[in-house]
Amino acid sequence: MGALIGASAGAFAQSGAASAGGATTAADATSVKARKAADRKLARRVSTALARTRGLNAARIFVKAQSGHVTLSGSVSDNEQIPLAVEAAKQVVGVSSVENFIHLSGPSL
């Protein structure tokens, strides 16, 4: 399906050759969609890595990815889990940096 999307974008760019602004906009839109898809895929891979990490309860950890930069937020029940989450995220292929906003949750009632 990816080849079909690329082919239709190329056909649009060729048919819009008279208006270079339209062709650039179509190419930009395609690249933005591709980048967002790659960011979502990376965030899913990091979330999966967190879920598979022993000693880490990742249920309340949220992952955001943008161009290889990963932001972790949410809460965990003890301090030992925070470095586990950061290290697990750093090990995922495609992660260039990890920003940590995970905090320690209060006591359960």
N, C-alpha and C. Protein backbone atom coordinates (compact mmCIF):
# COMPACT_ATOMS: atom_id res chain seq x y z
N MET A 1 0.82 -1.19 0.00
CA MET A 1 0.00 0.00 0.00
C MET A 1 0.87 1.25 0.00
N GLY A 2 2.04 1.20 0.64
CA GLY A 2 2.93 2.36 0.67
C GLY A 2 3.35 2.78 -0.72
N ALA A 3 3.57 1.82 -1.62
CA ALA A 3 3.98 2.14 -2.98
C ALA A 3 2.86 2.87 -3.71
N LEU A 4 1.63 2.48 -3.46
CA LEU A 4 0.50 3.15 -4.10
C LEU A 4 0.38 4.59 -3.63
N ILE A 5 0.61 4.82 -2.36
CA ILE A 5 0.54 6.18 -1.84
C ILE A 5 1.63 7.02 -2.49
N GLY A 6 2.85 6.49 -2.56
CA GLY A 6 3.94 7.22 -3.19
C GLY A 6 3.68 7.50 -4.65
N ALA A 7 3.10 6.54 -5.36
CA ALA A 7 2.83 6.71 -6.78
C ALA A 7 1.77 7.79 -7.00
N SER A 8 0.73 7.79 -6.17
CA SER A 8 -0.31 8.80 -6.35
C SER A 8 0.20 10.18 -5.99
N ALA A 9 1.08 10.28 -5.02
CA ALA A 9 1.65 11.57 -4.67
C ALA A 9 2.53 12.08 -5.81
N GLY A 10 3.29 11.15 -6.45
CA GLY A 10 4.13 11.55 -7.58
C GLY A 10 3.29 12.00 -8.75
N ALA A 11 2.17 11.32 -9.02
CA ALA A 11 1.29 11.71 -10.12
C ALA A 11 0.70 13.08 -9.85
N PHE A 12 0.35 13.35 -8.59
CA PHE A 12 -0.19 14.67 -8.25
C PHE A 12 0.87 15.74 -8.48
N ALA A 13 2.11 15.45 -8.07
CA ALA A 13 3.18 16.42 -8.23
C ALA A 13 3.44 16.70 -9.70
N GLN A 14 3.38 15.67 -10.56
CA GLN A 14 3.60 15.87 -11.98
C GLN A 14 2.46 16.65 -12.60
N SER A 15 1.21 16.35 -12.22
CA SER A 15 0.08 17.05 -12.82
C SER A 15 0.01 18.49 -12.35
N GLY A 16 0.60 18.77 -11.19
CA GLY A 16 0.57 20.13 -10.66
C GLY A 16 1.85 20.88 -10.96
N ALA A 17 2.58 20.47 -12.00
CA ALA A 17 3.87 21.10 -12.30
C ALA A 17 3.71 22.58 -12.62
N ALA A 18 2.58 22.98 -13.18
CA ALA A 18 2.38 24.39 -13.51
C ALA A 18 2.30 25.23 -12.25
N SER A 19 1.79 24.65 -11.18
CA SER A 19 1.72 25.39 -9.92
C SER A 19 2.68 24.74 -8.93
N ALA A 20 3.90 25.18 -8.91
CA ALA A 20 4.94 24.58 -8.06
C ALA A 20 4.56 24.63 -6.59
N GLY A 21 3.82 25.64 -6.17
CA GLY A 21 3.40 25.72 -4.77
C GLY A 21 2.53 24.56 -4.38
N GLY A 22 1.62 24.10 -5.26
CA GLY A 22 0.75 22.97 -4.96
C GLY A 22 1.53 21.69 -4.83
N ALA A 23 2.53 21.48 -5.69
CA ALA A 23 3.33 20.26 -5.64
C ALA A 23 4.15 20.21 -4.36
N THR A 24 4.70 21.35 -3.97
CA THR A 24 5.47 21.41 -2.73
C THR A 24 4.57 21.11 -1.54
N THR A 25 3.38 21.65 -1.53
CA THR A 25 2.46 21.42 -0.43
C THR A 25 2.09 19.95 -0.33
N ALA A 26 1.85 19.29 -1.45
CA ALA A 26 1.52 17.86 -1.44
C ALA A 26 2.70 17.05 -0.91
N ALA A 27 3.91 17.39 -1.32
CA ALA A 27 5.10 16.67 -0.84
C ALA A 27 5.29 16.91 0.65
N ASP A 28 5.07 18.14 1.10
CA ASP A 28 5.20 18.46 2.51
C ASP A 28 4.17 17.69 3.33
N ALA A 29 2.94 17.62 2.83
CA ALA A 29 1.89 16.90 3.54
C ALA A 29 2.22 15.42 3.65
N THR A 30 2.78 14.85 2.59
CA THR A 30 3.17 13.45 2.61
C THR A 30 4.28 13.22 3.61
N SER A 31 5.27 14.12 3.64
CA SER A 31 6.38 13.94 4.58
C SER A 31 5.93 14.14 6.02
N VAL A 32 4.99 15.04 6.26
CA VAL A 32 4.46 15.25 7.61
C VAL A 32 3.71 13.99 8.06
N LYS A 33 2.91 13.43 7.16
CA LYS A 33 2.19 12.19 7.50
C LYS A 33 3.16 11.06 7.80
N ALA A 34 4.21 10.95 7.01
CA ALA A 34 5.19 9.89 7.21
C ALA A 34 5.92 10.07 8.54
N ARG A 35 6.26 11.31 8.87
CA ARG A 35 6.96 11.58 10.13
C ARG A 35 6.05 11.25 11.31
N LYS A 36 4.78 11.65 11.23
CA LYS A 36 3.85 11.36 12.32
C LYS A 36 3.64 9.86 12.48
N ALA A 37 3.56 9.14 11.38
CA ALA A 37 3.41 7.69 11.43
C ALA A 37 4.65 7.07 12.08
N ALA A 38 5.83 7.55 11.72
CA ALA A 38 7.07 7.03 12.31
C ALA A 38 7.12 7.34 13.81
N ASP A 39 6.65 8.52 14.20
CA ASP A 39 6.62 8.89 15.62
C ASP A 39 5.68 7.98 16.40
N ARG A 40 4.50 7.69 15.82
CA ARG A 40 3.55 6.79 16.49
C ARG A 40 4.13 5.39 16.63
N LYS A 41 4.81 4.93 15.59
CA LYS A 41 5.41 3.60 15.61
C LYS A 41 6.49 3.52 16.68
N LEU A 42 7.33 4.54 16.78
CA LEU A 42 8.38 4.57 17.79
C LEU A 42 7.76 4.60 19.19
N ALA A 43 6.73 5.40 19.39
CA ALA A 43 6.08 5.46 20.70
C ALA A 43 5.50 4.09 21.09
N ARG A 44 4.92 3.38 20.11
CA ARG A 44 4.40 2.04 20.40
C ARG A 44 5.52 1.07 20.77
N ARG A 45 6.66 1.16 20.06
CA ARG A 45 7.79 0.27 20.37
C ARG A 45 8.33 0.55 21.77
N VAL A 46 8.40 1.82 22.14
CA VAL A 46 8.87 2.18 23.49
C VAL A 46 7.87 1.68 24.53
N SER A 47 6.58 1.89 24.30
CA SER A 47 5.56 1.41 25.24
C SER A 47 5.64 -0.09 25.42
N THR A 48 5.86 -0.81 24.33
CA THR A 48 6.00 -2.27 24.40
C THR A 48 7.23 -2.65 25.22
N ALA A 49 8.33 -1.95 25.01
CA ALA A 49 9.56 -2.23 25.77
C ALA A 49 9.33 -1.97 27.25
N LEU A 50 8.62 -0.91 27.58
CA LEU A 50 8.34 -0.61 28.99
C LEU A 50 7.47 -1.71 29.60
N ALA A 51 6.46 -2.14 28.87
CA ALA A 51 5.55 -3.17 29.38
C ALA A 51 6.28 -4.50 29.61
N ARG A 52 7.33 -4.77 28.84
CA ARG A 52 8.07 -6.02 28.96
C ARG A 52 9.22 -5.95 29.96
N THR A 53 9.45 -4.80 30.55
CA THR A 53 10.56 -4.63 31.49
C THR A 53 10.19 -5.18 32.86
N ARG A 54 10.97 -6.14 33.33
CA ARG A 54 10.73 -6.74 34.66
C ARG A 54 10.94 -5.69 35.75
N GLY A 55 10.04 -5.70 36.71
CA GLY A 55 10.15 -4.78 37.84
C GLY A 55 9.56 -3.41 37.57
N LEU A 56 8.95 -3.24 36.40
CA LEU A 56 8.37 -1.95 36.03
C LEU A 56 6.88 -2.11 35.75
N ASN A 57 6.08 -1.33 36.44
CA ASN A 57 4.64 -1.29 36.16
C ASN A 57 4.43 -0.08 35.25
N ALA A 58 4.28 -0.33 33.96
CA ALA A 58 4.20 0.75 32.97
C ALA A 58 2.77 1.20 32.70
N ALA A 59 1.82 0.73 33.48
CA ALA A 59 0.41 1.04 33.23
C ALA A 59 0.10 2.53 33.26
N ARG A 60 0.83 3.29 34.06
CA ARG A 60 0.56 4.73 34.15
C ARG A 60 1.70 5.57 33.58
N ILE A 61 2.46 5.00 32.68
CA ILE A 61 3.52 5.74 32.00
C ILE A 61 3.06 6.02 30.57
N PHE A 62 3.13 7.28 30.19
CA PHE A 62 2.72 7.72 28.86
C PHE A 62 3.96 8.05 28.04
N VAL A 63 3.93 7.69 26.77
CA VAL A 63 5.08 7.86 25.89
C VAL A 63 4.69 8.77 24.73
N LYS A 64 5.54 9.76 24.48
CA LYS A 64 5.37 10.63 23.31
C LYS A 64 6.69 10.61 22.56
N ALA A 65 6.62 10.49 21.25
CA ALA A 65 7.84 10.46 20.43
C ALA A 65 7.74 11.51 19.34
N GLN A 66 8.87 12.18 19.10
CA GLN A 66 8.93 13.15 18.01
C GLN A 66 10.34 13.15 17.45
N SER A 67 10.48 12.65 16.24
CA SER A 67 11.77 12.62 15.53
C SER A 67 12.88 11.99 16.35
N GLY A 68 12.59 10.88 17.03
CA GLY A 68 13.59 10.18 17.81
C GLY A 68 13.69 10.62 19.26
N HIS A 69 13.11 11.76 19.57
CA HIS A 69 13.11 12.26 20.95
C HIS A 69 11.89 11.69 21.66
N VAL A 70 12.09 11.00 22.77
CA VAL A 70 11.01 10.36 23.51
C VAL A 70 10.82 11.07 24.84
N THR A 71 9.56 11.35 25.16
CA THR A 71 9.21 11.95 26.44
C THR A 71 8.37 10.95 27.22
N LEU A 72 8.80 10.66 28.44
CA LEU A 72 8.07 9.78 29.33
C LEU A 72 7.41 10.63 30.41
N SER A 73 6.13 10.37 30.66
CA SER A 73 5.43 11.09 31.72
C SER A 73 4.50 10.11 32.42
N GLY A 74 3.93 10.55 33.52
CA GLY A 74 3.03 9.70 34.29
C GLY A 74 3.60 9.45 35.67
N SER A 75 3.22 8.31 36.24
CA SER A 75 3.66 8.02 37.60
C SER A 75 3.93 6.54 37.80
N VAL A 76 4.78 6.27 38.78
CA VAL A 76 5.10 4.91 39.20
C VAL A 76 5.00 4.87 40.72
N SER A 77 4.95 3.65 41.27
CA SER A 77 4.72 3.51 42.71
C SER A 77 5.99 3.58 43.56
N ASP A 78 7.16 3.36 42.96
CA ASP A 78 8.40 3.49 43.74
C ASP A 78 9.53 4.03 42.89
N ASN A 79 10.51 4.61 43.56
CA ASN A 79 11.63 5.29 42.89
C ASN A 79 12.47 4.38 41.99
N GLU A 80 12.55 3.09 42.31
CA GLU A 80 13.39 2.19 41.53
C GLU A 80 12.87 2.00 40.11
N GLN A 81 11.59 2.26 39.88
CA GLN A 81 11.01 2.05 38.56
C GLN A 81 11.37 3.16 37.57
N ILE A 82 11.66 4.34 38.05
CA ILE A 82 11.94 5.47 37.16
C ILE A 82 13.18 5.21 36.30
N PRO A 83 14.33 4.85 36.89
CA PRO A 83 15.49 4.57 36.03
C PRO A 83 15.29 3.35 35.13
N LEU A 84 14.49 2.37 35.59
CA LEU A 84 14.19 1.22 34.73
C LEU A 84 13.48 1.68 33.46
N ALA A 85 12.52 2.58 33.60
CA ALA A 85 11.77 3.08 32.45
C ALA A 85 12.67 3.86 31.50
N VAL A 86 13.50 4.72 32.04
CA VAL A 86 14.39 5.54 31.20
C VAL A 86 15.37 4.65 30.43
N GLU A 87 15.97 3.67 31.11
CA GLU A 87 16.93 2.79 30.45
C GLU A 87 16.26 1.91 29.40
N ALA A 88 15.05 1.42 29.69
CA ALA A 88 14.33 0.60 28.71
C ALA A 88 14.03 1.42 27.46
N ALA A 89 13.63 2.67 27.63
CA ALA A 89 13.33 3.54 26.49
C ALA A 89 14.58 3.81 25.66
N LYS A 90 15.71 4.04 26.32
CA LYS A 90 16.96 4.33 25.61
C LYS A 90 17.42 3.16 24.76
N GLN A 91 17.04 1.94 25.12
CA GLN A 91 17.49 0.75 24.41
C GLN A 91 16.72 0.50 23.12
N VAL A 92 15.61 1.19 22.91
CA VAL A 92 14.78 0.96 21.73
C VAL A 92 15.45 1.58 20.50
N VAL A 93 15.52 0.82 19.44
CA VAL A 93 16.12 1.31 18.19
C VAL A 93 15.30 2.50 17.67
N GLY A 94 15.99 3.58 17.34
CA GLY A 94 15.33 4.78 16.83
C GLY A 94 15.23 5.89 17.85
N VAL A 95 15.48 5.58 19.12
CA VAL A 95 15.42 6.60 20.17
C VAL A 95 16.76 7.32 20.23
N SER A 96 16.71 8.64 20.07
CA SER A 96 17.95 9.42 20.12
C SER A 96 18.14 10.10 21.48
N SER A 97 17.03 10.40 22.17
CA SER A 97 17.11 10.99 23.50
C SER A 97 15.83 10.68 24.26
N VAL A 98 15.94 10.70 25.59
CA VAL A 98 14.80 10.42 26.46
C VAL A 98 14.68 11.55 27.48
N GLU A 99 13.51 12.13 27.54
CA GLU A 99 13.22 13.16 28.55
C GLU A 99 12.26 12.53 29.55
N ASN A 100 12.58 12.64 30.82
CA ASN A 100 11.83 11.95 31.87
C ASN A 100 11.02 12.93 32.71
N PHE A 101 9.70 12.77 32.68
CA PHE A 101 8.80 13.52 33.55
C PHE A 101 7.97 12.57 34.41
N ILE A 102 8.49 11.36 34.64
CA ILE A 102 7.78 10.39 35.48
C ILE A 102 7.95 10.83 36.94
N HIS A 103 6.86 10.78 37.68
CA HIS A 103 6.93 11.15 39.09
C HIS A 103 6.45 9.99 39.95
N LEU A 104 6.76 10.10 41.21
CA LEU A 104 6.37 9.09 42.17
C LEU A 104 4.93 9.35 42.59
N SER A 105 4.10 8.31 42.50
CA SER A 105 2.69 8.49 42.87
C SER A 105 2.55 8.43 44.38
N GLY A 106 1.49 9.04 44.88
CA GLY A 106 1.22 9.04 46.30
C GLY A 106 0.77 7.67 46.77
N PRO A 107 0.61 7.50 48.06
CA PRO A 107 0.19 6.20 48.58
C PRO A 107 -1.22 5.86 48.16
N SER A 108 -1.45 4.57 47.89
CA SER A 108 -2.78 4.11 47.50
C SER A 108 -3.71 4.09 48.70
N LEU A 109 -4.95 4.36 48.46
CA LEU A 109 -5.93 4.35 49.55
C LEU A 109 -6.64 3.03 49.63
